Every structure is written in C-alpha cells, then in structure tokens.
Amino acid sequence: MEKTFSFALSLPLDEISFTVPYPLPGSELYRRAKGINTEDDWEIENEVKFMFKSEFDTELVKKRINATMAVFRERKFAGV
C-alpha cells in the first residue's frame, strides 16, 4: 500500500484520486473475494468502504488516502 501512494506522489500529475476495488460479478476479483456483501452500498460518493472481506483495515486505508491527498495538494499549490 505504501508503495502505491509513494509512486502516485512521484508522478507529475495535475490531479490524483484513490478508490477501493469493487468485485463485479464475472471479474477475477469477484472470483477471488470472500465474504462479498451484495446488500451493502456506499453511503457517499468516493467513500472508502470495502464490500468484501479485505486484508486491509478500512480506517487505515482512509487515513493513508487522506494523508497522501494532503501531501499532493500541498505540493500542487506550492508549485512542486
């Protein structure tokens, strides 16, 4: 996970966004995912919420996304 955020911050991007995967029926992730909750849905757009049992802690992922987004904004507005 850390490598993903570091890599994203190393790129010369104008915009950046992160999301978590959603296991769509027929996809490889759907076949691999365990404990898919087909009744659950996101409460808000771009919500960090796994719809299946994940090895990642949702709160930790939220914190890392927010921290990475903050660094990106700081760099963008500082002209770095």
N, C-alpha and C. Protein backbone atom coordinates (compact mmCIF):
# COMPACT_ATOMS: atom_id res chain seq x y z
N MET A 1 0.83 -1.19 0.00
CA MET A 1 0.00 0.00 0.00
C MET A 1 0.87 1.26 0.00
N GLU A 2 1.91 1.24 0.81
CA GLU A 2 2.78 2.43 0.89
C GLU A 2 3.44 2.72 -0.45
N LYS A 3 3.84 1.66 -1.16
CA LYS A 3 4.49 1.85 -2.45
C LYS A 3 3.54 2.52 -3.45
N THR A 4 2.28 2.17 -3.37
CA THR A 4 1.29 2.76 -4.28
C THR A 4 1.18 4.26 -4.06
N PHE A 5 1.07 4.68 -2.80
CA PHE A 5 0.94 6.10 -2.51
C PHE A 5 2.22 6.86 -2.85
N SER A 6 3.36 6.28 -2.53
CA SER A 6 4.63 6.92 -2.85
C SER A 6 4.81 7.06 -4.36
N PHE A 7 4.46 6.01 -5.09
CA PHE A 7 4.56 6.06 -6.54
C PHE A 7 3.65 7.14 -7.11
N ALA A 8 2.43 7.21 -6.64
CA ALA A 8 1.49 8.23 -7.13
C ALA A 8 2.04 9.64 -6.88
N LEU A 9 2.63 9.85 -5.72
CA LEU A 9 3.18 11.18 -5.40
C LEU A 9 4.43 11.50 -6.22
N SER A 10 5.07 10.49 -6.77
CA SER A 10 6.29 10.72 -7.56
C SER A 10 5.97 11.12 -9.00
N LEU A 11 4.73 10.96 -9.42
CA LEU A 11 4.35 11.25 -10.81
C LEU A 11 4.02 12.73 -11.01
N PRO A 12 4.29 13.28 -12.18
CA PRO A 12 3.96 14.69 -12.45
C PRO A 12 2.48 14.84 -12.86
N LEU A 13 1.60 14.69 -11.89
CA LEU A 13 0.16 14.71 -12.15
C LEU A 13 -0.47 16.05 -11.78
N ASP A 14 -1.53 16.40 -12.52
CA ASP A 14 -2.32 17.59 -12.18
C ASP A 14 -3.44 17.25 -11.21
N GLU A 15 -3.91 16.02 -11.29
CA GLU A 15 -4.99 15.54 -10.42
C GLU A 15 -4.63 14.15 -9.94
N ILE A 16 -5.22 13.77 -8.79
CA ILE A 16 -4.96 12.45 -8.23
C ILE A 16 -6.22 12.00 -7.50
N SER A 17 -6.46 10.70 -7.53
CA SER A 17 -7.63 10.14 -6.87
C SER A 17 -7.34 8.69 -6.50
N PHE A 18 -7.93 8.24 -5.43
CA PHE A 18 -7.77 6.85 -4.99
C PHE A 18 -9.14 6.27 -4.69
N THR A 19 -9.26 4.99 -4.89
CA THR A 19 -10.51 4.29 -4.60
C THR A 19 -10.19 2.87 -4.20
N VAL A 20 -11.18 2.16 -3.72
CA VAL A 20 -11.00 0.75 -3.40
C VAL A 20 -11.76 -0.06 -4.45
N PRO A 21 -11.29 -1.28 -4.73
CA PRO A 21 -11.94 -2.07 -5.78
C PRO A 21 -13.31 -2.59 -5.35
N TYR A 22 -14.15 -2.76 -6.34
CA TYR A 22 -15.47 -3.34 -6.13
C TYR A 22 -15.55 -4.61 -6.96
N PRO A 23 -15.83 -5.75 -6.34
CA PRO A 23 -15.83 -7.02 -7.06
C PRO A 23 -17.10 -7.21 -7.90
N LEU A 24 -17.01 -6.90 -9.18
CA LEU A 24 -18.16 -7.07 -10.08
C LEU A 24 -18.29 -8.54 -10.50
N PRO A 25 -19.53 -9.05 -10.54
CA PRO A 25 -19.73 -10.44 -10.97
C PRO A 25 -19.06 -10.70 -12.32
N GLY A 26 -18.38 -11.82 -12.40
CA GLY A 26 -17.67 -12.19 -13.61
C GLY A 26 -16.22 -11.76 -13.64
N SER A 27 -15.82 -10.87 -12.72
CA SER A 27 -14.43 -10.40 -12.69
C SER A 27 -13.56 -11.35 -11.87
N GLU A 28 -12.26 -11.25 -12.09
CA GLU A 28 -11.32 -12.06 -11.32
C GLU A 28 -11.41 -11.74 -9.83
N LEU A 29 -11.56 -10.45 -9.51
CA LEU A 29 -11.69 -10.07 -8.10
C LEU A 29 -12.92 -10.71 -7.48
N TYR A 30 -14.01 -10.76 -8.20
CA TYR A 30 -15.24 -11.37 -7.70
C TYR A 30 -15.00 -12.85 -7.39
N ARG A 31 -14.26 -13.52 -8.25
CA ARG A 31 -13.97 -14.94 -8.03
C ARG A 31 -13.04 -15.12 -6.82
N ARG A 32 -12.15 -14.17 -6.61
CA ARG A 32 -11.18 -14.29 -5.51
C ARG A 32 -11.69 -13.76 -4.18
N ALA A 33 -12.58 -12.79 -4.22
CA ALA A 33 -13.04 -12.13 -2.99
C ALA A 33 -13.89 -13.08 -2.15
N LYS A 34 -13.76 -12.96 -0.87
CA LYS A 34 -14.54 -13.76 0.07
C LYS A 34 -15.42 -12.84 0.89
N GLY A 35 -16.60 -13.30 1.21
CA GLY A 35 -17.49 -12.53 2.08
C GLY A 35 -18.04 -11.28 1.43
N ILE A 36 -18.37 -11.35 0.15
CA ILE A 36 -18.93 -10.18 -0.54
C ILE A 36 -20.31 -9.88 0.02
N ASN A 37 -20.52 -8.64 0.40
CA ASN A 37 -21.81 -8.21 0.93
C ASN A 37 -22.62 -7.56 -0.21
N THR A 38 -23.47 -8.33 -0.85
CA THR A 38 -24.23 -7.82 -2.00
C THR A 38 -25.35 -6.88 -1.59
N GLU A 39 -25.63 -6.79 -0.30
CA GLU A 39 -26.70 -5.90 0.18
C GLU A 39 -26.15 -4.53 0.58
N ASP A 40 -24.85 -4.42 0.73
CA ASP A 40 -24.23 -3.18 1.19
C ASP A 40 -24.03 -2.23 0.01
N ASP A 41 -23.90 -0.96 0.31
CA ASP A 41 -23.65 0.04 -0.72
C ASP A 41 -22.90 1.19 -0.06
N TRP A 42 -22.32 2.06 -0.88
CA TRP A 42 -21.65 3.22 -0.34
C TRP A 42 -22.68 4.25 0.13
N GLU A 43 -22.35 4.95 1.19
CA GLU A 43 -23.23 5.99 1.71
C GLU A 43 -23.04 7.29 0.93
N ILE A 44 -21.80 7.57 0.55
CA ILE A 44 -21.47 8.79 -0.16
C ILE A 44 -20.53 8.47 -1.32
N GLU A 45 -20.47 9.36 -2.29
CA GLU A 45 -19.58 9.18 -3.43
C GLU A 45 -18.13 9.15 -2.97
N ASN A 46 -17.34 8.31 -3.60
CA ASN A 46 -15.90 8.17 -3.30
C ASN A 46 -15.61 7.69 -1.89
N GLU A 47 -16.55 7.04 -1.26
CA GLU A 47 -16.35 6.53 0.09
C GLU A 47 -15.35 5.37 0.08
N VAL A 48 -14.47 5.34 1.05
CA VAL A 48 -13.53 4.23 1.19
C VAL A 48 -14.23 3.18 2.05
N LYS A 49 -14.78 2.18 1.36
CA LYS A 49 -15.54 1.15 2.06
C LYS A 49 -15.43 -0.14 1.25
N PHE A 50 -14.86 -1.16 1.86
CA PHE A 50 -14.75 -2.45 1.18
C PHE A 50 -16.08 -3.19 1.27
N MET A 51 -16.51 -3.76 0.16
CA MET A 51 -17.76 -4.52 0.12
C MET A 51 -17.48 -6.02 0.25
N PHE A 52 -16.27 -6.35 0.69
CA PHE A 52 -15.87 -7.74 0.87
C PHE A 52 -14.81 -7.77 1.96
N LYS A 53 -14.56 -8.95 2.48
CA LYS A 53 -13.52 -9.10 3.49
C LYS A 53 -12.18 -8.78 2.84
N SER A 54 -11.44 -7.87 3.46
CA SER A 54 -10.18 -7.42 2.89
C SER A 54 -9.06 -7.58 3.90
N GLU A 55 -7.86 -7.76 3.38
CA GLU A 55 -6.69 -7.83 4.24
C GLU A 55 -6.31 -6.45 4.78
N PHE A 56 -6.90 -5.39 4.18
CA PHE A 56 -6.58 -4.02 4.58
C PHE A 56 -7.62 -3.50 5.56
N ASP A 57 -7.14 -2.77 6.53
CA ASP A 57 -8.02 -2.12 7.50
C ASP A 57 -8.61 -0.86 6.87
N THR A 58 -9.93 -0.77 6.82
CA THR A 58 -10.61 0.35 6.16
C THR A 58 -10.18 1.69 6.74
N GLU A 59 -10.10 1.80 8.04
CA GLU A 59 -9.72 3.08 8.67
C GLU A 59 -8.29 3.47 8.33
N LEU A 60 -7.40 2.49 8.30
CA LEU A 60 -6.02 2.78 7.93
C LEU A 60 -5.94 3.25 6.48
N VAL A 61 -6.66 2.59 5.59
CA VAL A 61 -6.67 3.00 4.18
C VAL A 61 -7.21 4.42 4.05
N LYS A 62 -8.30 4.74 4.75
CA LYS A 62 -8.86 6.10 4.72
C LYS A 62 -7.81 7.12 5.17
N LYS A 63 -7.13 6.83 6.27
CA LYS A 63 -6.12 7.76 6.80
C LYS A 63 -4.98 7.95 5.80
N ARG A 64 -4.52 6.85 5.18
CA ARG A 64 -3.41 6.96 4.23
C ARG A 64 -3.83 7.72 2.97
N ILE A 65 -5.05 7.49 2.50
CA ILE A 65 -5.54 8.24 1.35
C ILE A 65 -5.62 9.71 1.68
N ASN A 66 -6.19 10.05 2.82
CA ASN A 66 -6.31 11.46 3.22
C ASN A 66 -4.95 12.11 3.38
N ALA A 67 -4.01 11.40 4.00
CA ALA A 67 -2.66 11.95 4.18
C ALA A 67 -1.97 12.15 2.83
N THR A 68 -2.11 11.20 1.94
CA THR A 68 -1.49 11.31 0.61
C THR A 68 -2.12 12.44 -0.18
N MET A 69 -3.43 12.58 -0.10
CA MET A 69 -4.12 13.67 -0.79
C MET A 69 -3.65 15.02 -0.24
N ALA A 70 -3.44 15.11 1.07
CA ALA A 70 -2.97 16.36 1.67
C ALA A 70 -1.58 16.71 1.16
N VAL A 71 -0.68 15.73 1.10
CA VAL A 71 0.66 15.98 0.56
C VAL A 71 0.56 16.42 -0.89
N PHE A 72 -0.29 15.76 -1.68
CA PHE A 72 -0.45 16.12 -3.08
C PHE A 72 -0.92 17.57 -3.22
N ARG A 73 -1.92 17.95 -2.44
CA ARG A 73 -2.44 19.34 -2.51
C ARG A 73 -1.37 20.34 -2.11
N GLU A 74 -0.63 20.04 -1.05
CA GLU A 74 0.44 20.94 -0.61
C GLU A 74 1.47 21.14 -1.72
N ARG A 75 1.88 20.05 -2.34
CA ARG A 75 2.86 20.12 -3.41
C ARG A 75 2.30 20.86 -4.62
N LYS A 76 1.08 20.59 -4.96
CA LYS A 76 0.45 21.21 -6.13
C LYS A 76 0.38 22.72 -5.97
N PHE A 77 -0.06 23.16 -4.80
CA PHE A 77 -0.22 24.59 -4.59
C PHE A 77 1.09 25.29 -4.23
N ALA A 78 2.10 24.51 -3.90
CA ALA A 78 3.42 25.09 -3.65
C ALA A 78 4.23 25.12 -4.94
N GLY A 79 3.68 24.51 -5.99
CA GLY A 79 4.37 24.51 -7.28
C GLY A 79 5.47 23.49 -7.39
N VAL A 80 5.44 22.47 -6.53
CA VAL A 80 6.49 21.44 -6.54
C VAL A 80 6.16 20.40 -7.59
